[in-house]
Amino acid sequence: MNQPPSRQPTPATAIPAASTPAEARKLAEELMDVMSALLGIIERETELVRAGKIREAMAFEPQKTEASRRYVGVVSRLKASHPYLAKTSPDLLSTLRRHHETFRAMLQVNLTV
């Protein structure tokens, strides 16, 4: 009797981590860019909601979805890069942490609307 071939779980796709100072800087810039873009979209959306223009605010959904996808990707790479950044660029990591805390606070204010 033949047994079906065993299925090996597919390994998770490795998230590329920064391993050079240039990659660390690029990652930091990407995070800052995507946070700014996402906040800009949400702020415009919030202004429209406050003005009662719900349909116009809903038009931002595709942009917000794409910016959110990019944000999650950059944060995943940042997490994968944390050991390298902690060792080689603690000041950069600290700065990113402060900016991210500000981003989260601003995001919370806008999401409250």
Protein backbone atom coordinates (compact mmCIF):
# COMPACT_ATOMS: atom_id res chain seq x y z
CA MET A 1 0.00 0.00 0.00
CA ASN A 2 1.40 3.37 -0.97
CA GLN A 3 1.39 6.17 1.53
CA PRO A 4 0.86 9.69 0.33
CA PRO A 5 4.02 11.78 0.35
CA SER A 6 4.46 13.62 3.59
CA ARG A 7 3.94 17.32 3.32
CA GLN A 8 6.68 19.43 4.71
CA PRO A 9 5.57 22.77 6.04
CA THR A 10 6.81 25.53 3.82
CA PRO A 11 9.27 27.75 5.63
CA ALA A 12 8.10 31.26 6.32
CA THR A 13 9.49 33.82 3.97
CA ALA A 14 12.46 35.44 5.65
CA ILE A 15 12.08 39.16 6.20
CA PRO A 16 15.18 40.98 5.00
CA ALA A 17 16.93 42.67 7.90
CA ALA A 18 19.21 45.67 7.62
CA SER A 19 22.83 44.61 7.79
CA THR A 20 24.70 47.76 6.77
CA PRO A 21 24.54 51.40 7.88
CA ALA A 22 23.13 52.36 4.46
CA GLU A 23 20.34 49.78 4.77
CA ALA A 24 19.57 51.00 8.30
CA ARG A 25 19.28 54.60 7.07
CA LYS A 26 17.10 53.53 4.16
CA LEU A 27 14.83 51.57 6.50
CA ALA A 28 14.52 54.58 8.82
CA GLU A 29 13.67 56.83 5.87
CA GLU A 30 11.07 54.35 4.64
CA LEU A 31 9.45 54.24 8.07
CA MET A 32 9.33 58.02 8.32
CA ASP A 33 7.93 58.32 4.78
CA VAL A 34 5.20 55.73 5.27
CA MET A 35 4.18 57.16 8.65
CA SER A 36 3.91 60.64 7.11
CA ALA A 37 1.93 59.34 4.15
CA LEU A 38 -0.46 57.37 6.33
CA LEU A 39 -1.01 60.28 8.71
CA GLY A 40 -1.62 62.63 5.78
CA ILE A 41 -4.26 60.33 4.33
CA ILE A 42 -5.98 59.84 7.68
CA GLU A 43 -5.93 63.56 8.45
CA ARG A 44 -7.58 64.37 5.08
CA GLU A 45 -10.09 61.60 5.66
CA THR A 46 -10.83 62.93 9.17
CA GLU A 47 -11.38 66.47 7.87
CA LEU A 48 -13.93 65.17 5.38
CA VAL A 49 -15.72 63.08 8.00
CA ARG A 50 -15.93 66.09 10.32
CA ALA A 51 -17.42 68.08 7.43
CA GLY A 52 -20.01 65.36 6.89
CA LYS A 53 -18.52 64.31 3.54
CA ILE A 54 -18.47 60.59 4.25
CA ARG A 55 -18.58 59.49 0.61
CA GLU A 56 -15.57 61.65 -0.24
CA ALA A 57 -13.73 60.35 2.83
CA MET A 58 -14.38 56.77 1.71
CA ALA A 59 -12.51 57.51 -1.53
CA PHE A 60 -9.27 57.47 0.49
CA GLU A 61 -9.73 53.81 1.44
CA PRO A 62 -7.52 52.34 -1.34
CA GLN A 63 -4.71 54.78 -0.55
CA LYS A 64 -5.04 54.08 3.17
CA THR A 65 -5.00 50.33 2.56
CA GLU A 66 -1.83 50.57 0.46
CA ALA A 67 -0.09 52.85 2.97
CA SER A 68 -1.09 50.49 5.79
CA ARG A 69 0.33 47.53 3.87
CA ARG A 70 3.60 49.40 3.35
CA TYR A 71 3.68 50.38 7.03
CA VAL A 72 3.28 46.77 8.17
CA GLY A 73 6.06 45.69 5.80
CA VAL A 74 8.47 48.35 7.02
CA VAL A 75 7.69 47.63 10.68
CA SER A 76 8.30 43.92 10.03
CA ARG A 77 11.69 44.71 8.51
CA LEU A 78 12.46 47.02 11.42
CA LYS A 79 11.67 44.23 13.89
CA ALA A 80 13.90 41.85 11.94
CA SER A 81 16.63 44.50 11.97
CA HIS A 82 16.33 45.34 15.67
CA PRO A 83 19.38 43.33 16.82
CA TYR A 84 21.58 44.98 14.20
CA LEU A 85 20.21 48.46 14.90
CA ALA A 86 20.51 48.04 18.68
CA LYS A 87 24.16 47.08 18.26
CA THR A 88 25.26 49.53 15.57
CA SER A 89 22.77 52.43 15.61
CA PRO A 90 21.17 52.80 19.04
CA ASP A 91 20.64 56.53 18.49
CA LEU A 92 18.78 55.88 15.24
CA LEU A 93 16.66 53.23 16.92
CA SER A 94 15.84 55.61 19.77
CA THR A 95 14.87 58.36 17.32
CA LEU A 96 12.65 55.98 15.37
CA ARG A 97 10.99 54.86 18.59
CA ARG A 98 10.19 58.49 19.55
CA HIS A 99 8.81 59.26 16.09
CA HIS A 100 6.73 56.11 16.15
CA GLU A 101 5.27 57.02 19.56
CA THR A 102 4.31 60.45 18.18
CA PHE A 103 2.82 58.78 15.11
CA ARG A 104 0.72 56.44 17.24
CA ALA A 105 -0.54 59.32 19.40
CA MET A 106 -1.51 61.38 16.34
CA LEU A 107 -3.13 58.35 14.76
CA GLN A 108 -5.17 57.72 17.90
CA VAL A 109 -6.46 61.30 17.91
CA ASN A 110 -7.58 60.99 14.29
CA LEU A 111 -9.11 57.55 14.76
CA THR A 112 -11.18 58.84 17.68
CA VAL A 113 -13.17 60.92 15.19
